[in-house]
Amino acid sequence: MVENRSQLQRNYDQQGYFVIRNYFTVAEIAELRAVVLKFHQLWQQDNAKFYQEEAFNSSLITGSEYLAFDDRVQLFNFISSKKIMKVVEAIVANNPAFMNTQLFFNPVNPKQKDFWHRDCQYDHDVAGQKLAIEQTQVLHLRVPLFDELGMELVPGTHKRWDNDEEFNVRQEEKGSVSSDDLASGEKIKLAAGDLLVFSADMIHRGLYGLERLALDILVFDSAGDFADYVDDDCLPDSLMLDKIDDPRLFINTLNLKSNG
């Protein structure tokens, strides 16, 4: 049973995440998986050295480099489907906009360990990170394509700064490394069909293992300053827009970029 919109909003506001079990049907996941695997196999061939040595994710799944027109339209229709939009609009009520997609998988390199981070740490120094968690944040919608170990999250850190242990581990200070366990972490196991929604800027890590292959849809509030992060190639063109049942998510992004 899917919780009502206000309950989803309340859970996200308090915790920074929520999970809806068995949200997608077996058929919906099978169709999505088929398209995503086309991308993944071609991307692996094209990035063989990177994949073997250090990769654990890819992006621009909706771009033109690896997928044909019809496959891209299928992805765009999933991303803007009623099920996805119902959840998106529970959190971002006014003019949500599409940012990107990412695909998360197990690293080939067995020495790589899952690591704690906030997405904002890759764009900002510590002062900037503290500011980022006080502002509007990018939303991740994670759709696992196979059963997996899932994610580990630190509830509430979309609105609060790290405690000493969290900061030292995440920033690898005072002898800590980013793969160390955190007392405040909460593990969320995921199965194909589940949907996990979480803030990009909360403290989190993906958990490697099993047949990990998860599609993340990234969405932002149009009021936020994120349009410059959007790659034009991952957006639908005018012919594709005509074939998308509900293109608002993409039109909002296109409008932001054209007005920028």
Protein backbone atom coordinates (compact mmCIF):
# COMPACT_ATOMS: atom_id res chain seq x y z
CA MET A 1 0.00 0.00 0.00
CA VAL A 2 1.42 3.36 -1.04
CA GLU A 3 1.28 5.97 1.69
CA ASN A 4 -0.53 9.20 0.94
CA ARG A 5 1.30 12.23 -0.33
CA SER A 6 1.44 14.06 2.99
CA GLN A 7 2.89 10.99 4.75
CA LEU A 8 5.63 10.67 2.12
CA GLN A 9 6.40 14.36 2.47
CA ARG A 10 6.51 14.08 6.26
CA ASN A 11 8.83 11.07 6.15
CA TYR A 12 11.19 12.81 3.75
CA ASP A 13 11.13 16.05 5.73
CA GLN A 14 12.02 14.28 8.98
CA GLN A 15 14.35 11.52 7.81
CA GLY A 16 15.65 12.65 4.42
CA TYR A 17 14.42 9.47 2.74
CA PHE A 18 11.64 6.92 2.43
CA VAL A 19 11.21 3.57 0.71
CA ILE A 20 8.10 2.18 -0.99
CA ARG A 21 8.16 -1.61 -1.24
CA ASN A 22 6.89 -3.42 -4.36
CA TYR A 23 6.02 -0.13 -6.02
CA PHE A 24 6.68 -1.36 -9.55
CA THR A 25 5.31 -4.52 -11.16
CA VAL A 26 7.50 -7.36 -12.40
CA ALA A 27 6.62 -6.35 -15.97
CA GLU A 28 7.55 -2.69 -15.41
CA ILE A 29 10.94 -3.65 -14.00
CA ALA A 30 11.57 -6.21 -16.77
CA GLU A 31 10.92 -3.59 -19.47
CA LEU A 32 13.12 -1.03 -17.73
CA ARG A 33 15.88 -3.56 -17.11
CA ALA A 34 16.00 -4.56 -20.80
CA VAL A 35 16.67 -0.98 -21.91
CA VAL A 36 19.12 -0.20 -19.12
CA LEU A 37 21.12 -3.37 -19.83
CA LYS A 38 21.53 -2.28 -23.47
CA PHE A 39 23.10 0.94 -22.22
CA HIS A 40 25.21 -0.81 -19.60
CA GLN A 41 26.70 -3.37 -21.98
CA LEU A 42 27.67 -0.75 -24.56
CA TRP A 43 29.00 1.59 -21.88
CA GLN A 44 31.15 -1.23 -20.43
CA GLN A 45 32.67 -1.95 -23.85
CA ASP A 46 33.40 1.73 -24.41
CA ASN A 47 34.90 2.24 -20.94
CA ALA A 48 36.57 -1.15 -20.45
CA LYS A 49 39.70 0.04 -18.64
CA PHE A 50 37.80 2.43 -16.36
CA TYR A 51 35.20 -0.26 -15.64
CA GLN A 52 37.83 -2.86 -14.72
CA GLU A 53 39.88 -0.55 -12.53
CA GLU A 54 37.58 1.77 -10.61
CA ALA A 55 34.07 2.39 -11.95
CA PHE A 56 30.98 1.90 -9.79
CA ASN A 57 28.53 4.10 -11.66
CA SER A 58 27.73 5.71 -14.99
CA SER A 59 25.47 8.59 -15.98
CA LEU A 60 23.52 10.13 -18.88
CA ILE A 61 21.56 6.91 -19.40
CA THR A 62 18.96 8.89 -21.38
CA GLY A 63 21.61 10.38 -23.68
CA SER A 64 22.06 9.68 -27.39
CA GLU A 65 25.44 7.94 -27.24
CA TYR A 66 24.28 4.38 -26.50
CA LEU A 67 20.50 4.21 -26.89
CA ALA A 68 18.30 4.56 -29.95
CA PHE A 69 15.31 6.90 -30.25
CA ASP A 70 12.65 4.40 -29.12
CA ASP A 71 14.70 3.20 -26.15
CA ARG A 72 15.24 6.77 -25.00
CA VAL A 73 11.52 7.53 -25.32
CA GLN A 74 10.76 4.44 -23.25
CA LEU A 75 13.12 5.67 -20.52
CA PHE A 76 11.67 9.18 -20.61
CA ASN A 77 8.17 7.74 -20.24
CA PHE A 78 9.23 5.68 -17.23
CA ILE A 79 10.95 8.67 -15.61
CA SER A 80 7.82 10.81 -16.03
CA SER A 81 5.29 8.03 -15.40
CA LYS A 82 2.35 8.54 -13.03
CA LYS A 83 4.05 6.42 -10.37
CA ILE A 84 7.24 8.46 -10.44
CA MET A 85 5.50 11.83 -10.71
CA LYS A 86 3.21 11.06 -7.77
CA VAL A 87 6.27 10.60 -5.57
CA VAL A 88 8.23 13.51 -7.06
CA GLU A 89 5.35 15.92 -6.56
CA ALA A 90 4.93 14.81 -2.94
CA ILE A 91 8.38 16.27 -2.26
CA VAL A 92 8.79 18.94 -4.95
CA ALA A 93 5.32 20.42 -5.28
CA ASN A 94 6.12 23.29 -7.64
CA ASN A 95 7.77 22.78 -11.03
CA PRO A 96 10.03 19.77 -10.42
CA ALA A 97 12.72 19.47 -13.09
CA PHE A 98 14.74 16.55 -14.47
CA MET A 99 18.50 16.64 -13.92
CA ASN A 100 20.06 13.33 -14.95
CA THR A 101 20.11 9.57 -14.53
CA GLN A 102 22.83 7.42 -13.01
CA LEU A 103 23.41 3.69 -12.96
CA PHE A 104 25.04 2.10 -9.92
CA PHE A 105 26.74 -1.30 -10.03
CA ASN A 106 29.38 -3.32 -8.21
CA PRO A 107 32.99 -2.34 -8.88
CA VAL A 108 35.07 -5.05 -10.57
CA ASN A 109 38.04 -4.12 -8.40
CA PRO A 110 37.65 -6.13 -5.14
CA LYS A 111 39.77 -3.59 -3.26
CA GLN A 112 37.13 -0.90 -3.69
CA LYS A 113 34.89 -0.45 -0.69
CA ASP A 114 31.57 1.33 -0.35
CA PHE A 115 32.09 4.81 1.06
CA TRP A 116 30.18 7.47 2.97
CA HIS A 117 29.60 10.83 1.31
CA ARG A 118 27.27 13.74 0.70
CA ASP A 119 26.93 14.55 -3.01
CA CYS A 120 27.63 18.22 -2.29
CA GLN A 121 31.15 17.43 -1.05
CA TYR A 122 32.29 17.01 -4.67
CA ASP A 123 31.36 20.60 -5.53
CA HIS A 124 31.94 22.46 -2.26
CA ASP A 125 34.40 22.93 0.56
CA VAL A 126 33.19 22.34 4.13
CA ALA A 127 31.66 25.81 4.40
CA GLY A 128 29.83 25.28 1.12
CA GLN A 129 28.59 21.87 2.25
CA LYS A 130 27.13 23.39 5.42
CA LEU A 131 25.32 25.91 3.26
CA ALA A 132 24.07 23.25 0.84
CA ILE A 133 22.15 21.35 3.52
CA GLU A 134 20.29 24.53 4.41
CA GLN A 135 19.05 24.99 0.85
CA THR A 136 16.92 23.07 -1.64
CA GLN A 137 18.50 19.71 -2.47
CA VAL A 138 18.56 17.32 -5.40
CA LEU A 139 16.27 14.31 -5.03
CA HIS A 140 17.43 10.78 -5.88
CA LEU A 141 14.82 8.19 -6.85
CA ARG A 142 16.54 4.81 -6.82
CA VAL A 143 15.01 1.93 -8.77
CA PRO A 144 16.87 -1.36 -8.16
CA LEU A 145 16.71 -3.65 -11.20
CA PHE A 146 17.72 -6.72 -9.20
CA ASP A 147 17.54 -7.60 -5.51
CA GLU A 148 20.48 -5.96 -3.75
CA LEU A 149 21.97 -5.08 -0.38
CA GLY A 150 20.73 -1.54 -0.95
CA MET A 151 21.82 1.65 0.75
CA GLU A 152 23.03 2.79 4.13
CA LEU A 153 21.80 6.23 5.17
CA VAL A 154 22.19 8.49 8.18
CA PRO A 155 18.63 9.70 8.92
CA GLY A 156 18.13 13.43 9.31
CA THR A 157 21.50 14.47 7.87
CA HIS A 158 19.78 16.27 4.99
CA LYS A 159 19.08 18.95 7.61
CA ARG A 160 21.89 18.62 10.12
CA TRP A 161 25.66 18.74 9.97
CA ASP A 162 27.89 15.72 10.70
CA ASN A 163 28.75 14.70 14.23
CA ASP A 164 32.47 14.18 14.90
CA GLU A 165 32.49 10.51 13.92
CA GLU A 166 30.54 11.13 10.71
CA PHE A 167 32.76 14.02 9.66
CA ASN A 168 36.03 12.20 10.33
CA VAL A 169 34.89 9.12 8.39
CA ARG A 170 33.37 11.01 5.46
CA GLN A 171 36.31 13.39 5.14
CA GLU A 172 38.88 10.70 6.05
CA GLU A 173 40.41 12.62 8.93
CA LYS A 174 42.06 11.58 12.22
CA GLY A 175 42.89 8.09 10.95
CA SER A 176 39.40 7.30 9.67
CA VAL A 177 38.56 6.14 6.15
CA SER A 178 35.29 6.70 4.29
CA SER A 179 34.45 2.99 4.29
CA ASP A 180 34.44 2.73 8.10
CA ASP A 181 31.12 1.82 9.68
CA LEU A 182 29.08 4.59 11.31
CA ALA A 183 27.08 4.06 14.49
CA SER A 184 24.37 6.32 13.05
CA GLY A 185 23.99 4.42 9.75
CA GLU A 186 20.75 2.67 8.85
CA LYS A 187 20.83 -0.11 6.25
CA ILE A 188 17.96 -0.26 3.76
CA LYS A 189 17.91 -3.54 1.82
CA LEU A 190 16.26 -3.20 -1.58
CA ALA A 191 14.53 -5.58 -3.96
CA ALA A 192 13.57 -5.23 -7.61
CA GLY A 193 10.27 -3.34 -7.61
CA ASP A 194 11.11 -1.15 -4.62
CA LEU A 195 11.59 2.62 -4.82
CA LEU A 196 13.98 4.46 -2.51
CA VAL A 197 13.79 8.25 -2.41
CA PHE A 198 16.55 10.18 -0.64
CA SER A 199 18.30 13.54 -0.50
CA ALA A 200 21.53 13.76 -2.48
CA ASP A 201 23.11 15.76 0.31
CA MET A 202 22.37 13.49 3.25
CA ILE A 203 25.19 11.20 4.40
CA HIS A 204 24.83 7.92 2.51
CA ARG A 205 26.61 5.05 0.81
CA GLY A 206 25.61 2.33 -1.61
CA LEU A 207 26.26 -1.22 -0.41
CA TYR A 208 28.20 -3.39 -2.84
CA GLY A 209 27.25 -7.03 -3.35
CA LEU A 210 24.68 -9.33 -4.99
CA GLU A 211 23.60 -8.36 -8.55
CA ARG A 212 23.69 -4.64 -7.85
CA LEU A 213 22.30 -2.62 -10.73
CA ALA A 214 20.18 0.38 -9.75
CA LEU A 215 18.85 3.25 -11.83
CA ASP A 216 18.82 6.62 -10.09
CA ILE A 217 16.60 9.41 -11.38
CA LEU A 218 17.76 12.86 -10.24
CA VAL A 219 15.18 15.61 -9.89
CA PHE A 220 15.36 19.15 -8.53
CA ASP A 221 13.12 22.06 -7.58
CA SER A 222 13.10 24.69 -10.33
CA ALA A 223 13.74 27.30 -7.63
CA GLY A 224 17.15 25.70 -6.99
CA ASP A 225 20.27 26.70 -8.90
CA PHE A 226 20.90 23.38 -10.65
CA ALA A 227 20.07 23.89 -14.34
CA ASP A 228 23.73 24.41 -15.27
CA TYR A 229 24.48 20.86 -14.10
CA VAL A 230 22.14 19.38 -16.72
CA ASP A 231 23.76 17.97 -19.86
CA ASP A 232 21.71 18.93 -22.94
CA ASP A 233 22.18 15.47 -24.46
CA CYS A 234 20.27 13.72 -21.66
CA LEU A 235 17.12 15.72 -22.44
CA PRO A 236 14.49 14.79 -25.03
CA ASP A 237 14.35 16.63 -28.35
CA SER A 238 11.12 18.01 -29.80
CA LEU A 239 10.25 14.77 -31.62
CA MET A 240 10.66 12.81 -28.39
CA LEU A 241 8.61 15.29 -26.38
CA ASP A 242 5.65 14.51 -28.65
CA LYS A 243 5.91 10.85 -27.68
CA ILE A 244 6.20 11.39 -23.92
CA ASP A 245 2.85 11.05 -22.14
CA ASP A 246 3.64 13.66 -19.48
CA PRO A 247 6.70 15.72 -20.48
CA ARG A 248 6.40 18.42 -17.77
CA LEU A 249 9.51 17.23 -15.89
CA PHE A 250 11.66 17.71 -19.00
CA ILE A 251 9.93 20.87 -20.24
CA ASN A 252 10.65 22.54 -16.89
CA THR A 253 14.36 21.78 -17.34
CA LEU A 254 14.39 22.94 -20.96
CA ASN A 255 12.71 26.19 -19.93
CA LEU A 256 15.23 26.78 -17.15
CA LYS A 257 18.13 26.21 -19.54
CA SER A 258 16.70 28.44 -22.26
CA ASN A 259 16.05 31.21 -19.73
CA GLY A 260 19.51 30.86 -18.19
